[in-house]
Amino acid sequence: MNFSEYQELARETAIYPQLGNNLWYPTLGLCGEAGEVAEKIKKVYRDNNGVADYDKKLEIKKELGDVLWYLANIATELNFSFQEVAELNIQKLHERQKNNTLHGSGDNR
């Protein structure tokens, strides 16, 4: 599956208020799901001495999928293809790598 296919399939399961004109719902959902990823990883460190066994990895993988779903729907709400978002990100990172600015802060470095 590629990014475009995933975005289309994710959209087929999108049910929320004002679908097609609602950035707040998928954005808040993304924040919640990212928090769940962080929470599961925190518990790996707290409960398993930082070792993620198969079951913990599977739980994290599922939460990462939820993060991906919300990202895809935010992109759709903004009329961006998920593919172009991914490509732009890699282009930006390669440019920073070329300019030796991967480390540091600021959006436009």
PDB file of N, CA and C in Angstrom:
ATOM      1  N   MET A   1       0.854  -1.175   0.000  1.00  0.00           N
ATOM      2  CA  MET A   1       0.000   0.000   0.000  1.00  0.00           C
ATOM      3  C   MET A   1       0.901   1.238   0.000  1.00  0.00           C
ATOM      4  N   ASN A   2       0.528   2.237  -0.802  1.00  0.00           N
ATOM      5  CA  ASN A   2       1.277   3.481  -0.802  1.00  0.00           C
ATOM      6  C   ASN A   2       0.512   4.560  -0.024  1.00  0.00           C
ATOM      7  N   PHE A   3       1.106   5.728   0.096  1.00  0.00           N
ATOM      8  CA  PHE A   3       0.488   6.801   0.873  1.00  0.00           C
ATOM      9  C   PHE A   3      -0.877   7.214   0.317  1.00  0.00           C
ATOM     10  N   SER A   4      -0.996   7.284  -0.985  1.00  0.00           N
ATOM     11  CA  SER A   4      -2.272   7.691  -1.586  1.00  0.00           C
ATOM     12  C   SER A   4      -3.373   6.684  -1.288  1.00  0.00           C
ATOM     13  N   GLU A   5      -3.047   5.418  -1.421  1.00  0.00           N
ATOM     14  CA  GLU A   5      -4.036   4.375  -1.122  1.00  0.00           C
ATOM     15  C   GLU A   5      -4.442   4.426   0.347  1.00  0.00           C
ATOM     16  N   TYR A   6      -3.455   4.595   1.227  1.00  0.00           N
ATOM     17  CA  TYR A   6      -3.778   4.668   2.650  1.00  0.00           C
ATOM     18  C   TYR A   6      -4.687   5.856   2.939  1.00  0.00           C
ATOM     19  N   GLN A   7      -4.377   6.999   2.368  1.00  0.00           N
ATOM     20  CA  GLN A   7      -5.183   8.199   2.611  1.00  0.00           C
ATOM     21  C   GLN A   7      -6.627   7.994   2.166  1.00  0.00           C
ATOM     22  N   GLU A   8      -6.808   7.393   1.020  1.00  0.00           N
ATOM     23  CA  GLU A   8      -8.169   7.121   0.528  1.00  0.00           C
ATOM     24  C   GLU A   8      -8.906   6.145   1.448  1.00  0.00           C
ATOM     25  N   LEU A   9      -8.225   5.088   1.853  1.00  0.00           N
ATOM     26  CA  LEU A   9      -8.863   4.099   2.730  1.00  0.00           C
ATOM     27  C   LEU A   9      -9.152   4.678   4.120  1.00  0.00           C
ATOM     28  N   ALA A  10      -8.249   5.500   4.614  1.00  0.00           N
ATOM     29  CA  ALA A  10      -8.477   6.142   5.910  1.00  0.00           C
ATOM     30  C   ALA A  10      -9.694   7.068   5.827  1.00  0.00           C
ATOM     31  N   ARG A  11      -9.832   7.752   4.729  1.00  0.00           N
ATOM     32  CA  ARG A  11     -10.959   8.677   4.581  1.00  0.00           C
ATOM     33  C   ARG A  11     -12.292   7.934   4.540  1.00  0.00           C
ATOM     34  N   GLU A  12     -12.296   6.743   3.985  1.00  0.00           N
ATOM     35  CA  GLU A  12     -13.526   5.948   3.928  1.00  0.00           C
ATOM     36  C   GLU A  12     -14.064   5.633   5.324  1.00  0.00           C
ATOM     37  N   THR A  13     -13.188   5.627   6.319  1.00  0.00           N
ATOM     38  CA  THR A  13     -13.615   5.319   7.686  1.00  0.00           C
ATOM     39  C   THR A  13     -13.778   6.566   8.547  1.00  0.00           C
ATOM     40  N   ALA A  14     -13.640   7.744   7.955  1.00  0.00           N
ATOM     41  CA  ALA A  14     -13.735   8.994   8.717  1.00  0.00           C
ATOM     42  C   ALA A  14     -15.199   9.356   8.968  1.00  0.00           C
ATOM     43  N   ILE A  15     -15.545   9.422  10.242  1.00  0.00           N
ATOM     44  CA  ILE A  15     -16.881   9.841  10.655  1.00  0.00           C
ATOM     45  C   ILE A  15     -16.691  10.841  11.790  1.00  0.00           C
ATOM     46  N   TYR A  16     -16.868  12.111  11.478  1.00  0.00           N
ATOM     47  CA  TYR A  16     -16.800  13.141  12.511  1.00  0.00           C
ATOM     48  C   TYR A  16     -17.547  14.383  12.028  1.00  0.00           C
ATOM     49  N   PRO A  17     -17.879  15.283  12.957  1.00  0.00           N
ATOM     50  CA  PRO A  17     -18.682  16.451  12.589  1.00  0.00           C
ATOM     51  C   PRO A  17     -18.032  17.285  11.493  1.00  0.00           C
ATOM     52  N   GLN A  18     -18.839  17.786  10.597  1.00  0.00           N
ATOM     53  CA  GLN A  18     -18.407  18.676   9.513  1.00  0.00           C
ATOM     54  C   GLN A  18     -17.245  18.097   8.708  1.00  0.00           C
ATOM     55  N   LEU A  19     -17.330  16.813   8.433  1.00  0.00           N
ATOM     56  CA  LEU A  19     -16.317  16.138   7.633  1.00  0.00           C
ATOM     57  C   LEU A  19     -16.101  16.925   6.341  1.00  0.00           C
ATOM     58  N   GLY A  20     -14.868  17.218   6.033  1.00  0.00           N
ATOM     59  CA  GLY A  20     -14.535  17.979   4.837  1.00  0.00           C
ATOM     60  C   GLY A  20     -14.310  19.453   5.116  1.00  0.00           C
ATOM     61  N   ASN A  21     -14.658  19.886   6.312  1.00  0.00           N
ATOM     62  CA  ASN A  21     -14.464  21.281   6.698  1.00  0.00           C
ATOM     63  C   ASN A  21     -14.215  21.347   8.208  1.00  0.00           C
ATOM     64  N   ASN A  22     -13.270  20.536   8.680  1.00  0.00           N
ATOM     65  CA  ASN A  22     -13.080  20.432  10.115  1.00  0.00           C
ATOM     66  C   ASN A  22     -11.639  20.033  10.411  1.00  0.00           C
ATOM     67  N   LEU A  23     -10.811  20.996  10.713  1.00  0.00           N
ATOM     68  CA  LEU A  23      -9.435  20.701  11.088  1.00  0.00           C
ATOM     69  C   LEU A  23      -9.290  20.337  12.558  1.00  0.00           C
ATOM     70  N   TRP A  24     -10.150  20.870  13.378  1.00  0.00           N
ATOM     71  CA  TRP A  24      -9.963  20.695  14.821  1.00  0.00           C
ATOM     72  C   TRP A  24     -10.132  19.249  15.256  1.00  0.00           C
ATOM     73  N   TYR A  25     -11.108  18.531  14.709  1.00  0.00           N
ATOM     74  CA  TYR A  25     -11.344  17.163  15.169  1.00  0.00           C
ATOM     75  C   TYR A  25     -10.142  16.245  14.919  1.00  0.00           C
ATOM     76  N   PRO A  26      -9.647  16.151  13.676  1.00  0.00           N
ATOM     77  CA  PRO A  26      -8.508  15.260  13.481  1.00  0.00           C
ATOM     78  C   PRO A  26      -7.235  15.759  14.155  1.00  0.00           C
ATOM     79  N   THR A  27      -7.091  17.070  14.325  1.00  0.00           N
ATOM     80  CA  THR A  27      -5.914  17.596  15.008  1.00  0.00           C
ATOM     81  C   THR A  27      -5.923  17.222  16.490  1.00  0.00           C
ATOM     82  N   LEU A  28      -7.068  17.378  17.133  1.00  0.00           N
ATOM     83  CA  LEU A  28      -7.164  16.969  18.541  1.00  0.00           C
ATOM     84  C   LEU A  28      -7.005  15.454  18.684  1.00  0.00           C
ATOM     85  N   GLY A  29      -7.546  14.713  17.731  1.00  0.00           N
ATOM     86  CA  GLY A  29      -7.371  13.262  17.748  1.00  0.00           C
ATOM     87  C   GLY A  29      -5.908  12.877  17.623  1.00  0.00           C
ATOM     88  N   LEU A  30      -5.176  13.575  16.756  1.00  0.00           N
ATOM     89  CA  LEU A  30      -3.745  13.323  16.595  1.00  0.00           C
ATOM     90  C   LEU A  30      -3.011  13.544  17.915  1.00  0.00           C
ATOM     91  N   CYS A  31      -3.341  14.630  18.598  1.00  0.00           N
ATOM     92  CA  CYS A  31      -2.696  14.910  19.888  1.00  0.00           C
ATOM     93  C   CYS A  31      -2.971  13.794  20.886  1.00  0.00           C
ATOM     94  N   GLY A  32      -4.209  13.335  20.931  1.00  0.00           N
ATOM     95  CA  GLY A  32      -4.563  12.255  21.843  1.00  0.00           C
ATOM     96  C   GLY A  32      -3.832  10.969  21.524  1.00  0.00           C
ATOM     97  N   GLU A  33      -3.783  10.616  20.262  1.00  0.00           N
ATOM     98  CA  GLU A  33      -3.128   9.365  19.874  1.00  0.00           C
ATOM     99  C   GLU A  33      -1.619   9.442  20.069  1.00  0.00           C
ATOM    100  N   ALA A  34      -1.016  10.593  19.791  1.00  0.00           N
ATOM    101  CA  ALA A  34       0.422  10.755  20.036  1.00  0.00           C
ATOM    102  C   ALA A  34       0.713  10.600  21.523  1.00  0.00           C
ATOM    103  N   GLY A  35      -0.186  11.112  22.348  1.00  0.00           N
ATOM    104  CA  GLY A  35      -0.047  10.935  23.790  1.00  0.00           C
ATOM    105  C   GLY A  35      -0.127   9.473  24.189  1.00  0.00           C
ATOM    106  N   GLU A  36      -0.995   8.718  23.522  1.00  0.00           N
ATOM    107  CA  GLU A  36      -1.107   7.290  23.822  1.00  0.00           C
ATOM    108  C   GLU A  36       0.169   6.544  23.442  1.00  0.00           C
ATOM    109  N   VAL A  37       0.800   6.934  22.324  1.00  0.00           N
ATOM    110  CA  VAL A  37       2.083   6.330  21.947  1.00  0.00           C
ATOM    111  C   VAL A  37       3.105   6.617  23.046  1.00  0.00           C
ATOM    112  N   ALA A  38       3.184   7.878  23.452  1.00  0.00           N
ATOM    113  CA  ALA A  38       4.140   8.258  24.491  1.00  0.00           C
ATOM    114  C   ALA A  38       3.865   7.521  25.793  1.00  0.00           C
ATOM    115  N   GLU A  39       2.607   7.375  26.141  1.00  0.00           N
ATOM    116  CA  GLU A  39       2.232   6.687  27.377  1.00  0.00           C
ATOM    117  C   GLU A  39       2.659   5.224  27.351  1.00  0.00           C
ATOM    118  N   LYS A  40       2.457   4.567  26.225  1.00  0.00           N
ATOM    119  CA  LYS A  40       2.840   3.155  26.129  1.00  0.00           C
ATOM    120  C   LYS A  40       4.358   2.994  26.213  1.00  0.00           C
ATOM    121  N   ILE A  41       5.092   3.905  25.589  1.00  0.00           N
ATOM    122  CA  ILE A  41       6.548   3.845  25.651  1.00  0.00           C
ATOM    123  C   ILE A  41       7.030   4.157  27.065  1.00  0.00           C
ATOM    124  N   LYS A  42       6.384   5.117  27.729  1.00  0.00           N
ATOM    125  CA  LYS A  42       6.726   5.424  29.119  1.00  0.00           C
ATOM    126  C   LYS A  42       6.587   4.177  29.986  1.00  0.00           C
ATOM    127  N   LYS A  43       5.502   3.434  29.772  1.00  0.00           N
ATOM    128  CA  LYS A  43       5.264   2.236  30.573  1.00  0.00           C
ATOM    129  C   LYS A  43       6.276   1.137  30.277  1.00  0.00           C
ATOM    130  N   VAL A  44       6.799   1.091  29.059  1.00  0.00           N
ATOM    131  CA  VAL A  44       7.867   0.147  28.743  1.00  0.00           C
ATOM    132  C   VAL A  44       9.084   0.455  29.621  1.00  0.00           C
ATOM    133  N   TYR A  45       9.407   1.730  29.771  1.00  0.00           N
ATOM    134  CA  TYR A  45      10.548   2.111  30.614  1.00  0.00           C
ATOM    135  C   TYR A  45      10.249   1.903  32.091  1.00  0.00           C
ATOM    136  N   ARG A  46       9.031   2.224  32.494  1.00  0.00           N
ATOM    137  CA  ARG A  46       8.673   2.080  33.901  1.00  0.00           C
ATOM    138  C   ARG A  46       8.549   0.623  34.326  1.00  0.00           C
ATOM    139  N   ASP A  47       7.880  -0.173  33.501  1.00  0.00           N
ATOM    140  CA  ASP A  47       7.527  -1.534  33.903  1.00  0.00           C
ATOM    141  C   ASP A  47       8.456  -2.619  33.374  1.00  0.00           C
ATOM    142  N   ASN A  48       9.159  -2.355  32.280  1.00  0.00           N
ATOM    143  CA  ASN A  48       9.961  -3.412  31.629  1.00  0.00           C
ATOM    144  C   ASN A  48      11.429  -3.011  31.463  1.00  0.00           C
ATOM    145  N   ASN A  49      11.892  -2.058  32.256  1.00  0.00           N
ATOM    146  CA  ASN A  49      13.296  -1.615  32.168  1.00  0.00           C
ATOM    147  C   ASN A  49      13.693  -1.190  30.759  1.00  0.00           C
ATOM    148  N   GLY A  50      12.746  -0.616  30.018  1.00  0.00           N
ATOM    149  CA  GLY A  50      13.035  -0.116  28.679  1.00  0.00           C
ATOM    150  C   GLY A  50      13.042  -1.158  27.585  1.00  0.00           C
ATOM    151  N   VAL A  51      12.643  -2.360  27.915  1.00  0.00           N
ATOM    152  CA  VAL A  51      12.632  -3.441  26.915  1.00  0.00           C
ATOM    153  C   VAL A  51      11.197  -3.660  26.446  1.00  0.00           C
ATOM    154  N   ALA A  52      10.983  -3.443  25.172  1.00  0.00           N
ATOM    155  CA  ALA A  52       9.650  -3.648  24.591  1.00  0.00           C
ATOM    156  C   ALA A  52       9.563  -5.064  24.039  1.00  0.00           C
ATOM    157  N   ASP A  53       8.745  -5.893  24.687  1.00  0.00           N
ATOM    158  CA  ASP A  53       8.535  -7.243  24.185  1.00  0.00           C
ATOM    159  C   ASP A  53       7.548  -7.197  23.014  1.00  0.00           C
ATOM    160  N   TYR A  54       7.272  -8.355  22.459  1.00  0.00           N
ATOM    161  CA  TYR A  54       6.401  -8.433  21.284  1.00  0.00           C
ATOM    162  C   TYR A  54       5.049  -7.775  21.537  1.00  0.00           C
ATOM    163  N   ASP A  55       4.418  -8.065  22.673  1.00  0.00           N
ATOM    164  CA  ASP A  55       3.092  -7.526  22.961  1.00  0.00           C
ATOM    165  C   ASP A  55       3.117  -6.007  23.092  1.00  0.00           C
ATOM    166  N   LYS A  56       4.133  -5.477  23.753  1.00  0.00           N
ATOM    167  CA  LYS A  56       4.253  -4.017  23.909  1.00  0.00           C
ATOM    168  C   LYS A  56       4.483  -3.358  22.555  1.00  0.00           C
ATOM    169  N   LYS A  57       5.325  -3.973  21.746  1.00  0.00           N
ATOM    170  CA  LYS A  57       5.568  -3.427  20.409  1.00  0.00           C
ATOM    171  C   LYS A  57       4.291  -3.425  19.587  1.00  0.00           C
ATOM    172  N   LEU A  58       3.505  -4.467  19.707  1.00  0.00           N
ATOM    173  CA  LEU A  58       2.246  -4.538  18.971  1.00  0.00           C
ATOM    174  C   LEU A  58       1.288  -3.442  19.428  1.00  0.00           C
ATOM    175  N   GLU A  59       1.219  -3.198  20.724  1.00  0.00           N
ATOM    176  CA  GLU A  59       0.369  -2.120  21.242  1.00  0.00           C
ATOM    177  C   GLU A  59       0.816  -0.773  20.679  1.00  0.00           C
ATOM    178  N   ILE A  60       2.115  -0.525  20.666  1.00  0.00           N
ATOM    179  CA  ILE A  60       2.650   0.728  20.134  1.00  0.00           C
ATOM    180  C   ILE A  60       2.379   0.830  18.638  1.00  0.00           C
ATOM    181  N   LYS A  61       2.540  -0.267  17.946  1.00  0.00           N
ATOM    182  CA  LYS A  61       2.287  -0.289  16.501  1.00  0.00           C
ATOM    183  C   LYS A  61       0.845   0.113  16.192  1.00  0.00           C
ATOM    184  N   LYS A  62      -0.091  -0.389  16.980  1.00  0.00           N
ATOM    185  CA  LYS A  62      -1.501  -0.042  16.783  1.00  0.00           C
ATOM    186  C   LYS A  62      -1.739   1.441  17.018  1.00  0.00           C
ATOM    187  N   GLU A  63      -1.114   1.988  18.043  1.00  0.00           N
ATOM    188  CA  GLU A  63      -1.271   3.413  18.321  1.00  0.00           C
ATOM    189  C   GLU A  63      -0.630   4.256  17.218  1.00  0.00           C
ATOM    190  N   LEU A  64       0.501   3.803  16.694  1.00  0.00           N
ATOM    191  CA  LEU A  64       1.125   4.507  15.575  1.00  0.00           C
ATOM    192  C   LEU A  64       0.198   4.524  14.364  1.00  0.00           C
ATOM    193  N   GLY A  65      -0.527   3.441  14.169  1.00  0.00           N
ATOM    194  CA  GLY A  65      -1.516   3.407  13.087  1.00  0.00           C
ATOM    195  C   GLY A  65      -2.601   4.445  13.290  1.00  0.00           C
ATOM    196  N   ASP A  66      -3.026   4.637  14.538  1.00  0.00           N
ATOM    197  CA  ASP A  66      -4.030   5.670  14.819  1.00  0.00           C
ATOM    198  C   ASP A  66      -3.468   7.064  14.540  1.00  0.00           C
ATOM    199  N   VAL A  67      -2.198   7.279  14.890  1.00  0.00           N
ATOM    200  CA  VAL A  67      -1.542   8.552  14.572  1.00  0.00           C
ATOM    201  C   VAL A  67      -1.549   8.762  13.059  1.00  0.00           C
ATOM    202  N   LEU A  68      -1.209   7.724  12.326  1.00  0.00           N
ATOM    203  CA  LEU A  68      -1.180   7.791  10.865  1.00  0.00           C
ATOM    204  C   LEU A  68      -2.556   8.150  10.303  1.00  0.00           C
ATOM    205  N   TRP A  69      -3.612   7.562  10.867  1.00  0.00           N
ATOM    206  CA  TRP A  69      -4.983   7.830  10.409  1.00  0.00           C
ATOM    207  C   TRP A  69      -5.321   9.307  10.580  1.00  0.00           C
ATOM    208  N   TYR A  70      -5.013   9.852  11.732  1.00  0.00           N
ATOM    209  CA  TYR A  70      -5.306  11.262  11.963  1.00  0.00           C
ATOM    210  C   TYR A  70      -4.471  12.165  11.065  1.00  0.00           C
ATOM    211  N   LEU A  71      -3.211  11.830  10.865  1.00  0.00           N
ATOM    212  CA  LEU A  71      -2.379  12.610   9.939  1.00  0.00           C
ATOM    213  C   LEU A  71      -2.972  12.609   8.532  1.00  0.00           C
ATOM    214  N   ALA A  72      -3.393  11.444   8.086  1.00  0.00           N
ATOM    215  CA  ALA A  72      -3.976  11.337   6.745  1.00  0.00           C
ATOM    216  C   ALA A  72      -5.233  12.191   6.634  1.00  0.00           C
ATOM    217  N   ASN A  73      -6.045  12.215   7.671  1.00  0.00           N
ATOM    218  CA  ASN A  73      -7.286  12.987   7.609  1.00  0.00           C
ATOM    219  C   ASN A  73      -7.051  14.487   7.750  1.00  0.00           C
ATOM    220  N   ILE A  74      -6.031  14.885   8.488  1.00  0.00           N
ATOM    221  CA  ILE A  74      -5.669  16.308   8.504  1.00  0.00           C
ATOM    222  C   ILE A  74      -5.225  16.724   7.106  1.00  0.00           C
ATOM    223  N   ALA A  75      -4.392  15.919   6.479  1.00  0.00           N
ATOM    224  CA  ALA A  75      -3.944  16.221   5.114  1.00  0.00           C
ATOM    225  C   ALA A  75      -5.134  16.330   4.171  1.00  0.00           C
ATOM    226  N   THR A  76      -6.077  15.413   4.286  1.00  0.00           N
ATOM    227  CA  THR A  76      -7.260  15.450   3.422  1.00  0.00           C
ATOM    228  C   THR A  76      -8.068  16.715   3.668  1.00  0.00           C
ATOM    229  N   GLU A  77      -8.253  17.090   4.920  1.00  0.00           N
ATOM    230  CA  GLU A  77      -8.996  18.317   5.235  1.00  0.00           C
ATOM    231  C   GLU A  77      -8.340  19.536   4.603  1.00  0.00           C
ATOM    232  N   LEU A  78      -7.027  19.511   4.457  1.00  0.00           N
ATOM    233  CA  LEU A  78      -6.286  20.627   3.864  1.00  0.00           C
ATOM    234  C   LEU A  78      -6.089  20.476   2.355  1.00  0.00           C
ATOM    235  N   ASN A  79      -6.681  19.423   1.792  1.00  0.00           N
ATOM    236  CA  ASN A  79      -6.550  19.123   0.359  1.00  0.00           C
ATOM    237  C   ASN A  79      -5.106  18.864  -0.063  1.00  0.00           C
ATOM    238  N   PHE A  80      -4.346  18.253   0.836  1.00  0.00           N
ATOM    239  CA  PHE A  80      -2.994  17.809   0.516  1.00  0.00           C
ATOM    240  C   PHE A  80      -3.045  16.305   0.293  1.00  0.00           C
ATOM    241  N   SER A  81      -2.247  15.836  -0.657  1.00  0.00           N
ATOM    242  CA  SER A  81      -2.094  14.392  -0.727  1.00  0.00           C
ATOM    243  C   SER A  81      -1.066  13.995   0.324  1.00  0.00           C
ATOM    244  N   PHE A  82      -1.302  12.866   0.949  1.00  0.00           N
ATOM    245  CA  PHE A  82      -0.376  12.357   1.955  1.00  0.00           C
ATOM    246  C   PHE A  82       0.986  12.131   1.311  1.00  0.00           C
ATOM    247  N   GLN A  83       0.986  11.714   0.065  1.00  0.00           N
ATOM    248  CA  GLN A  83       2.220  11.483  -0.684  1.00  0.00           C
ATOM    249  C   GLN A  83       3.039  12.767  -0.760  1.00  0.00           C
ATOM    250  N   GLU A  84       2.396  13.894  -1.101  1.00  0.00           N
ATOM    251  CA  GLU A  84       3.156  15.138  -1.227  1.00  0.00           C
ATOM    252  C   GLU A  84       3.646  15.632   0.132  1.00  0.00           C
ATOM    253  N   VAL A  85       2.903  15.376   1.186  1.00  0.00           N
ATOM    254  CA  VAL A  85       3.356  15.739   2.532  1.00  0.00           C
ATOM    255  C   VAL A  85       4.625  14.959   2.860  1.00  0.00           C
ATOM    256  N   ALA A  86       4.613  13.656   2.593  1.00  0.00           N
ATOM    257  CA  ALA A  86       5.780  12.817   2.861  1.00  0.00           C
ATOM    258  C   ALA A  86       6.980  13.248   2.010  1.00  0.00           C
ATOM    259  N   GLU A  87       6.739  13.515   0.745  1.00  0.00           N
ATOM    260  CA  GLU A  87       7.832  13.922  -0.143  1.00  0.00           C
ATOM    261  C   GLU A  87       8.426  15.262   0.275  1.00  0.00           C
ATOM    262  N   LEU A  88       7.567  16.218   0.656  1.00  0.00           N
ATOM    263  CA  LEU A  88       8.042  17.530   1.099  1.00  0.00           C
ATOM    264  C   LEU A  88       8.884  17.397   2.365  1.00  0.00           C
ATOM    265  N   ASN A  89       8.467  16.515   3.271  1.00  0.00           N
ATOM    266  CA  ASN A  89       9.215  16.308   4.502  1.00  0.00           C
ATOM    267  C   ASN A  89      10.603  15.750   4.219  1.00  0.00           C
ATOM    268  N   ILE A  90      10.688  14.747   3.365  1.00  0.00           N
ATOM    269  CA  ILE A  90      11.992  14.165   3.025  1.00  0.00           C
ATOM    270  C   ILE A  90      12.860  15.187   2.311  1.00  0.00           C
ATOM    271  N   GLN A  91      12.264  15.971   1.411  1.00  0.00           N
ATOM    272  CA  GLN A  91      13.016  17.026   0.715  1.00  0.00           C
ATOM    273  C   GLN A  91      13.589  18.022   1.721  1.00  0.00           C
ATOM    274  N   LYS A  92      12.776  18.436   2.685  1.00  0.00           N
ATOM    275  CA  LYS A  92      13.217  19.375   3.716  1.00  0.00           C
ATOM    276  C   LYS A  92      14.356  18.785   4.530  1.00  0.00           C
ATOM    277  N   LEU A  93      14.231  17.525   4.928  1.00  0.00           N
ATOM    278  CA  LEU A  93      15.263  16.888   5.733  1.00  0.00           C
ATOM    279  C   LEU A  93      16.566  16.715   4.959  1.00  0.00           C
ATOM    280  N   HIS A  94      16.479  16.358   3.696  1.00  0.00           N
ATOM    281  CA  HIS A  94      17.690  16.227   2.875  1.00  0.00           C
ATOM    282  C   HIS A  94      18.374  17.581   2.707  1.00  0.00           C
ATOM    283  N   GLU A  95      17.592  18.625   2.544  1.00  0.00           N
ATOM    284  CA  GLU A  95      18.157  19.975   2.425  1.00  0.00           C
ATOM    285  C   GLU A  95      18.875  20.364   3.719  1.00  0.00           C
ATOM    286  N   ARG A  96      18.265  20.075   4.858  1.00  0.00           N
ATOM    287  CA  ARG A  96      18.914  20.364   6.145  1.00  0.00           C
ATOM    288  C   ARG A  96      20.180  19.537   6.312  1.00  0.00           C
ATOM    289  N   GLN A  97      20.126  18.289   5.861  1.00  0.00           N
ATOM    290  CA  GLN A  97      21.309  17.435   5.957  1.00  0.00           C
ATOM    291  C   GLN A  97      22.434  18.006   5.102  1.00  0.00           C
ATOM    292  N   LYS A  98      22.093  18.426   3.898  1.00  0.00           N
ATOM    293  CA  LYS A  98      23.077  19.007   2.985  1.00  0.00           C
ATOM    294  C   LYS A  98      23.697  20.270   3.578  1.00  0.00           C
ATOM    295  N   ASN A  99      22.872  21.077   4.260  1.00  0.00           N
ATOM    296  CA  ASN A  99      23.324  22.335   4.851  1.00  0.00           C
ATOM    297  C   ASN A  99      23.870  22.163   6.265  1.00  0.00           C
ATOM    298  N   ASN A 100      23.942  20.906   6.706  1.00  0.00           N
ATOM    299  CA  ASN A 100      24.406  20.593   8.062  1.00  0.00           C
ATOM    300  C   ASN A 100      23.575  21.323   9.124  1.00  0.00           C
ATOM    301  N   THR A 101      22.255  21.360   8.910  1.00  0.00           N
ATOM    302  CA  THR A 101      21.365  22.027   9.870  1.00  0.00           C
ATOM    303  C   THR A 101      20.298  21.073  10.408  1.00  0.00           C
ATOM    304  N   LEU A 102      20.566  19.772  10.364  1.00  0.00           N
ATOM    305  CA  LEU A 102      19.629  18.834  10.967  1.00  0.00           C
ATOM    306  C   LEU A 102      19.534  19.087  12.466  1.00  0.00           C
ATOM    307  N   HIS A 103      20.664  19.393  13.069  1.00  0.00           N
ATOM    308  CA  HIS A 103      20.666  19.760  14.487  1.00  0.00           C
ATOM    309  C   HIS A 103      20.348  21.242  14.582  1.00  0.00           C
ATOM    310  N   GLY A 104      19.696  21.616  15.614  1.00  0.00           N
ATOM    311  CA  GLY A 104      19.372  23.028  15.789  1.00  0.00           C
ATOM    312  C   GLY A 104      17.898  23.218  15.940  1.00  0.00           C
ATOM    313  N   SER A 105      17.465  24.453  15.869  1.00  0.00           N
ATOM    314  CA  SER A 105      16.041  24.745  16.046  1.00  0.00           C
ATOM    315  C   SER A 105      15.594  25.757  15.012  1.00  0.00           C
ATOM    316  N   GLY A 106      14.291  25.880  14.895  1.00  0.00           N
ATOM    317  CA  GLY A 106      13.713  26.793  13.915  1.00  0.00           C
ATOM    318  C   GLY A 106      13.165  26.033  12.738  1.00  0.00           C
ATOM    319  N   ASP A 107      12.057  26.534  12.215  1.00  0.00           N
ATOM    320  CA  ASP A 107      11.409  25.865  11.092  1.00  0.00           C
ATOM    321  C   ASP A 107      12.174  26.023   9.785  1.00  0.00           C
ATOM    322  N   ASN A 108      12.737  27.182   9.569  1.00  0.00           N
ATOM    323  CA  ASN A 108      13.363  27.492   8.270  1.00  0.00           C
ATOM    324  C   ASN A 108      14.867  27.593   8.416  1.00  0.00           C
ATOM    325  N   ARG A 109      15.505  26.457   8.676  1.00  0.00           N
ATOM    326  CA  ARG A 109      16.966  26.479   8.814  1.00  0.00           C
ATOM    327  C   ARG A 109      17.618  25.753   7.671  1.00  0.00           C
TER     328      ARG A 109
END
